[in-house]
Amino acid sequence: MDIAAMSIAMNQAQVKQEASIAVLKKAINEQQVDSNEMIKMLEQSMQPHLGSSIDIKG
């Protein structure tokens, strides 16, 4: 294999790797946003007065 072809192959591999990393970073960022939104939703849905007292009359 000549040097030019090897250089092209290495550059293509590097571009593929960089693209894969960029997609992975985007996916991680989306998951972080989704998890933060879910945490906010759960915090808003909590009702602190529930479970604070028990009716024991029979």
PDB file of N, CA and C in Angstrom:
ATOM      1  N   MET A   1       0.854  -1.166   0.000  1.00  0.00           N
ATOM      2  CA  MET A   1       0.000   0.000   0.000  1.00  0.00           C
ATOM      3  C   MET A   1       0.904   1.234   0.000  1.00  0.00           C
ATOM      4  N   ASP A   2       0.624   2.153  -0.848  1.00  0.00           N
ATOM      5  CA  ASP A   2       1.460   3.349  -0.886  1.00  0.00           C
ATOM      6  C   ASP A   2       1.072   4.327   0.218  1.00  0.00           C
ATOM      7  N   ILE A   3       1.930   5.293   0.427  1.00  0.00           N
ATOM      8  CA  ILE A   3       1.762   6.234   1.537  1.00  0.00           C
ATOM      9  C   ILE A   3       0.507   7.076   1.370  1.00  0.00           C
ATOM     10  N   ALA A   4       0.200   7.516   0.155  1.00  0.00           N
ATOM     11  CA  ALA A   4      -0.984   8.348  -0.068  1.00  0.00           C
ATOM     12  C   ALA A   4      -2.263   7.593   0.273  1.00  0.00           C
ATOM     13  N   ALA A   5      -2.364   6.355  -0.163  1.00  0.00           N
ATOM     14  CA  ALA A   5      -3.557   5.558   0.127  1.00  0.00           C
ATOM     15  C   ALA A   5      -3.682   5.294   1.619  1.00  0.00           C
ATOM     16  N   MET A   6      -2.552   5.038   2.266  1.00  0.00           N
ATOM     17  CA  MET A   6      -2.578   4.789   3.701  1.00  0.00           C
ATOM     18  C   MET A   6      -2.991   6.059   4.449  1.00  0.00           C
ATOM     19  N   SER A   7      -2.527   7.208   3.992  1.00  0.00           N
ATOM     20  CA  SER A   7      -2.895   8.477   4.610  1.00  0.00           C
ATOM     21  C   SER A   7      -4.389   8.735   4.470  1.00  0.00           C
ATOM     22  N   ILE A   8      -4.937   8.470   3.307  1.00  0.00           N
ATOM     23  CA  ILE A   8      -6.371   8.655   3.075  1.00  0.00           C
ATOM     24  C   ILE A   8      -7.174   7.718   3.978  1.00  0.00           C
ATOM     25  N   ALA A   9      -6.747   6.459   4.055  1.00  0.00           N
ATOM     26  CA  ALA A   9      -7.457   5.487   4.893  1.00  0.00           C
ATOM     27  C   ALA A   9      -7.429   5.907   6.358  1.00  0.00           C
ATOM     28  N   MET A  10      -6.285   6.404   6.817  1.00  0.00           N
ATOM     29  CA  MET A  10      -6.178   6.833   8.214  1.00  0.00           C
ATOM     30  C   MET A  10      -7.059   8.052   8.477  1.00  0.00           C
ATOM     31  N   ASN A  11      -7.093   8.977   7.533  1.00  0.00           N
ATOM     32  CA  ASN A  11      -7.931  10.164   7.702  1.00  0.00           C
ATOM     33  C   ASN A  11      -9.411   9.803   7.706  1.00  0.00           C
ATOM     34  N   GLN A  12      -9.814   8.868   6.858  1.00  0.00           N
ATOM     35  CA  GLN A  12     -11.210   8.436   6.832  1.00  0.00           C
ATOM     36  C   GLN A  12     -11.584   7.762   8.149  1.00  0.00           C
ATOM     37  N   ALA A  13     -10.679   6.961   8.665  1.00  0.00           N
ATOM     38  CA  ALA A  13     -10.939   6.301   9.950  1.00  0.00           C
ATOM     39  C   ALA A  13     -11.072   7.338  11.061  1.00  0.00           C
ATOM     40  N   GLN A  14     -10.218   8.367  11.018  1.00  0.00           N
ATOM     41  CA  GLN A  14     -10.287   9.411  12.034  1.00  0.00           C
ATOM     42  C   GLN A  14     -11.596  10.182  11.940  1.00  0.00           C
ATOM     43  N   VAL A  15     -12.039  10.483  10.724  1.00  0.00           N
ATOM     44  CA  VAL A  15     -13.305  11.197  10.542  1.00  0.00           C
ATOM     45  C   VAL A  15     -14.467  10.354  11.064  1.00  0.00           C
ATOM     46  N   LYS A  16     -14.455   9.057  10.777  1.00  0.00           N
ATOM     47  CA  LYS A  16     -15.518   8.173  11.272  1.00  0.00           C
ATOM     48  C   LYS A  16     -15.529   8.154  12.797  1.00  0.00           C
ATOM     49  N   GLN A  17     -14.344   8.087  13.394  1.00  0.00           N
ATOM     50  CA  GLN A  17     -14.262   8.057  14.844  1.00  0.00           C
ATOM     51  C   GLN A  17     -14.767   9.374  15.445  1.00  0.00           C
ATOM     52  N   GLU A  18     -14.384  10.491  14.856  1.00  0.00           N
ATOM     53  CA  GLU A  18     -14.833  11.788  15.360  1.00  0.00           C
ATOM     54  C   GLU A  18     -16.345  11.934  15.224  1.00  0.00           C
ATOM     55  N   ALA A  19     -16.905  11.420  14.129  1.00  0.00           N
ATOM     56  CA  ALA A  19     -18.353  11.475  13.946  1.00  0.00           C
ATOM     57  C   ALA A  19     -19.056  10.608  14.993  1.00  0.00           C
ATOM     58  N   SER A  20     -18.508   9.447  15.260  1.00  0.00           N
ATOM     59  CA  SER A  20     -19.096   8.565  16.268  1.00  0.00           C
ATOM     60  C   SER A  20     -19.059   9.207  17.646  1.00  0.00           C
ATOM     61  N   ILE A  21     -17.956   9.851  17.953  1.00  0.00           N
ATOM     62  CA  ILE A  21     -17.833  10.522  19.247  1.00  0.00           C
ATOM     63  C   ILE A  21     -18.827  11.667  19.348  1.00  0.00           C
ATOM     64  N   ALA A  22     -18.992  12.420  18.264  1.00  0.00           N
ATOM     65  CA  ALA A  22     -19.942  13.541  18.278  1.00  0.00           C
ATOM     66  C   ALA A  22     -21.367  13.041  18.497  1.00  0.00           C
ATOM     67  N   VAL A  23     -21.733  11.945  17.840  1.00  0.00           N
ATOM     68  CA  VAL A  23     -23.075  11.378  18.014  1.00  0.00           C
ATOM     69  C   VAL A  23     -23.251  10.886  19.447  1.00  0.00           C
ATOM     70  N   LEU A  24     -22.235  10.247  19.995  1.00  0.00           N
ATOM     71  CA  LEU A  24     -22.309   9.756  21.369  1.00  0.00           C
ATOM     72  C   LEU A  24     -22.449  10.905  22.362  1.00  0.00           C
ATOM     73  N   LYS A  25     -21.692  11.982  22.162  1.00  0.00           N
ATOM     74  CA  LYS A  25     -21.813  13.143  23.047  1.00  0.00           C
ATOM     75  C   LYS A  25     -23.208  13.738  22.984  1.00  0.00           C
ATOM     76  N   LYS A  26     -23.780  13.794  21.781  1.00  0.00           N
ATOM     77  CA  LYS A  26     -25.138  14.324  21.636  1.00  0.00           C
ATOM     78  C   LYS A  26     -26.141  13.428  22.360  1.00  0.00           C
ATOM     79  N   ALA A  27     -25.981  12.121  22.233  1.00  0.00           N
ATOM     80  CA  ALA A  27     -26.888  11.193  22.911  1.00  0.00           C
ATOM     81  C   ALA A  27     -26.776  11.327  24.428  1.00  0.00           C
ATOM     82  N   ILE A  28     -25.564  11.466  24.924  1.00  0.00           N
ATOM     83  CA  ILE A  28     -25.366  11.638  26.365  1.00  0.00           C
ATOM     84  C   ILE A  28     -26.015  12.933  26.837  1.00  0.00           C
ATOM     85  N   ASN A  29     -25.835  13.998  26.077  1.00  0.00           N
ATOM     86  CA  ASN A  29     -26.432  15.283  26.431  1.00  0.00           C
ATOM     87  C   ASN A  29     -27.959  15.185  26.457  1.00  0.00           C
ATOM     88  N   GLU A  30     -28.534  14.521  25.466  1.00  0.00           N
ATOM     89  CA  GLU A  30     -29.993  14.352  25.427  1.00  0.00           C
ATOM     90  C   GLU A  30     -30.481  13.558  26.642  1.00  0.00           C
ATOM     91  N   GLN A  31     -29.740  12.529  27.036  1.00  0.00           N
ATOM     92  CA  GLN A  31     -30.133  11.735  28.199  1.00  0.00           C
ATOM     93  C   GLN A  31     -30.052  12.563  29.477  1.00  0.00           C
ATOM     94  N   GLN A  32     -29.038  13.425  29.571  1.00  0.00           N
ATOM     95  CA  GLN A  32     -28.927  14.278  30.750  1.00  0.00           C
ATOM     96  C   GLN A  32     -30.088  15.259  30.825  1.00  0.00           C
ATOM     97  N   VAL A  33     -30.466  15.833  29.695  1.00  0.00           N
ATOM     98  CA  VAL A  33     -31.604  16.763  29.663  1.00  0.00           C
ATOM     99  C   VAL A  33     -32.878  16.020  30.048  1.00  0.00           C
ATOM    100  N   ASP A  34     -33.083  14.835  29.472  1.00  0.00           N
ATOM    101  CA  ASP A  34     -34.277  14.053  29.784  1.00  0.00           C
ATOM    102  C   ASP A  34     -34.338  13.689  31.269  1.00  0.00           C
ATOM    103  N   SER A  35     -33.201  13.281  31.838  1.00  0.00           N
ATOM    104  CA  SER A  35     -33.207  12.901  33.252  1.00  0.00           C
ATOM    105  C   SER A  35     -33.455  14.110  34.145  1.00  0.00           C
ATOM    106  N   ASN A  36     -32.905  15.266  33.779  1.00  0.00           N
ATOM    107  CA  ASN A  36     -33.167  16.471  34.572  1.00  0.00           C
ATOM    108  C   ASN A  36     -34.642  16.858  34.509  1.00  0.00           C
ATOM    109  N   GLU A  37     -35.251  16.738  33.337  1.00  0.00           N
ATOM    110  CA  GLU A  37     -36.675  17.034  33.210  1.00  0.00           C
ATOM    111  C   GLU A  37     -37.516  16.057  34.017  1.00  0.00           C
ATOM    112  N   MET A  38     -37.122  14.798  34.040  1.00  0.00           N
ATOM    113  CA  MET A  38     -37.871  13.806  34.814  1.00  0.00           C
ATOM    114  C   MET A  38     -37.750  14.085  36.306  1.00  0.00           C
ATOM    115  N   ILE A  39     -36.577  14.478  36.739  1.00  0.00           N
ATOM    116  CA  ILE A  39     -36.393  14.817  38.158  1.00  0.00           C
ATOM    117  C   ILE A  39     -37.273  16.003  38.535  1.00  0.00           C
ATOM    118  N   LYS A  40     -37.309  17.023  37.689  1.00  0.00           N
ATOM    119  CA  LYS A  40     -38.171  18.181  37.951  1.00  0.00           C
ATOM    120  C   LYS A  40     -39.633  17.770  38.007  1.00  0.00           C
ATOM    121  N   MET A  41     -40.055  16.903  37.085  1.00  0.00           N
ATOM    122  CA  MET A  41     -41.434  16.445  37.049  1.00  0.00           C
ATOM    123  C   MET A  41     -41.774  15.680  38.326  1.00  0.00           C
ATOM    124  N   LEU A  42     -40.867  14.822  38.774  1.00  0.00           N
ATOM    125  CA  LEU A  42     -41.117  14.060  39.998  1.00  0.00           C
ATOM    126  C   LEU A  42     -41.168  14.967  41.220  1.00  0.00           C
ATOM    127  N   GLU A  43     -40.289  15.965  41.247  1.00  0.00           N
ATOM    128  CA  GLU A  43     -40.302  16.897  42.377  1.00  0.00           C
ATOM    129  C   GLU A  43     -41.611  17.680  42.437  1.00  0.00           C
ATOM    130  N   GLN A  44     -42.145  18.055  41.277  1.00  0.00           N
ATOM    131  CA  GLN A  44     -43.389  18.816  41.244  1.00  0.00           C
ATOM    132  C   GLN A  44     -44.594  17.943  41.573  1.00  0.00           C
ATOM    133  N   SER A  45     -44.516  16.651  41.299  1.00  0.00           N
ATOM    134  CA  SER A  45     -45.663  15.781  41.532  1.00  0.00           C
ATOM    135  C   SER A  45     -45.752  15.303  42.977  1.00  0.00           C
ATOM    136  N   MET A  46     -44.699  15.505  43.734  1.00  0.00           N
ATOM    137  CA  MET A  46     -44.710  15.041  45.126  1.00  0.00           C
ATOM    138  C   MET A  46     -45.632  15.928  45.957  1.00  0.00           C
ATOM    139  N   GLN A  47     -46.347  15.294  46.865  1.00  0.00           N
ATOM    140  CA  GLN A  47     -47.230  16.019  47.777  1.00  0.00           C
ATOM    141  C   GLN A  47     -46.741  15.735  49.199  1.00  0.00           C
ATOM    142  N   PRO A  48     -46.054  16.685  49.798  1.00  0.00           N
ATOM    143  CA  PRO A  48     -45.403  16.416  51.091  1.00  0.00           C
ATOM    144  C   PRO A  48     -46.372  16.105  52.224  1.00  0.00           C
ATOM    145  N   HIS A  49     -47.633  16.508  52.123  1.00  0.00           N
ATOM    146  CA  HIS A  49     -48.573  16.247  53.208  1.00  0.00           C
ATOM    147  C   HIS A  49     -49.091  14.804  53.197  1.00  0.00           C
ATOM    148  N   LEU A  50     -48.944  14.098  52.080  1.00  0.00           N
ATOM    149  CA  LEU A  50     -49.420  12.722  52.023  1.00  0.00           C
ATOM    150  C   LEU A  50     -48.527  11.816  52.873  1.00  0.00           C
ATOM    151  N   GLY A  51     -49.145  10.973  53.649  1.00  0.00           N
ATOM    152  CA  GLY A  51     -48.408  10.020  54.475  1.00  0.00           C
ATOM    153  C   GLY A  51     -47.928  10.591  55.803  1.00  0.00           C
ATOM    154  N   SER A  52     -48.226  11.848  56.061  1.00  0.00           N
ATOM    155  CA  SER A  52     -47.746  12.450  57.309  1.00  0.00           C
ATOM    156  C   SER A  52     -48.650  12.097  58.487  1.00  0.00           C
ATOM    157  N   SER A  53     -49.869  11.627  58.208  1.00  0.00           N
ATOM    158  CA  SER A  53     -50.757  11.221  59.307  1.00  0.00           C
ATOM    159  C   SER A  53     -51.492   9.944  58.912  1.00  0.00           C
ATOM    160  N   ILE A  54     -51.873   9.198  59.918  1.00  0.00           N
ATOM    161  CA  ILE A  54     -52.562   7.936  59.709  1.00  0.00           C
ATOM    162  C   ILE A  54     -53.887   7.969  60.460  1.00  0.00           C
ATOM    163  N   ASP A  55     -54.951   7.615  59.779  1.00  0.00           N
ATOM    164  CA  ASP A  55     -56.274   7.548  60.422  1.00  0.00           C
ATOM    165  C   ASP A  55     -56.417   6.160  61.035  1.00  0.00           C
ATOM    166  N   ILE A  56     -56.390   6.097  62.369  1.00  0.00           N
ATOM    167  CA  ILE A  56     -56.471   4.798  63.040  1.00  0.00           C
ATOM    168  C   ILE A  56     -57.819   4.546  63.695  1.00  0.00           C
ATOM    169  N   LYS A  57     -58.812   5.390  63.425  1.00  0.00           N
ATOM    170  CA  LYS A  57     -60.140   5.180  63.981  1.00  0.00           C
ATOM    171  C   LYS A  57     -60.781   3.986  63.276  1.00  0.00           C
ATOM    172  N   GLY A  58     -61.504   3.195  63.987  1.00  0.00           N
ATOM    173  CA  GLY A  58     -62.085   1.976  63.450  1.00  0.00           C
ATOM    174  C   GLY A  58     -63.530   1.962  63.309  1.00  0.00           C
TER     175      GLY A  58
END
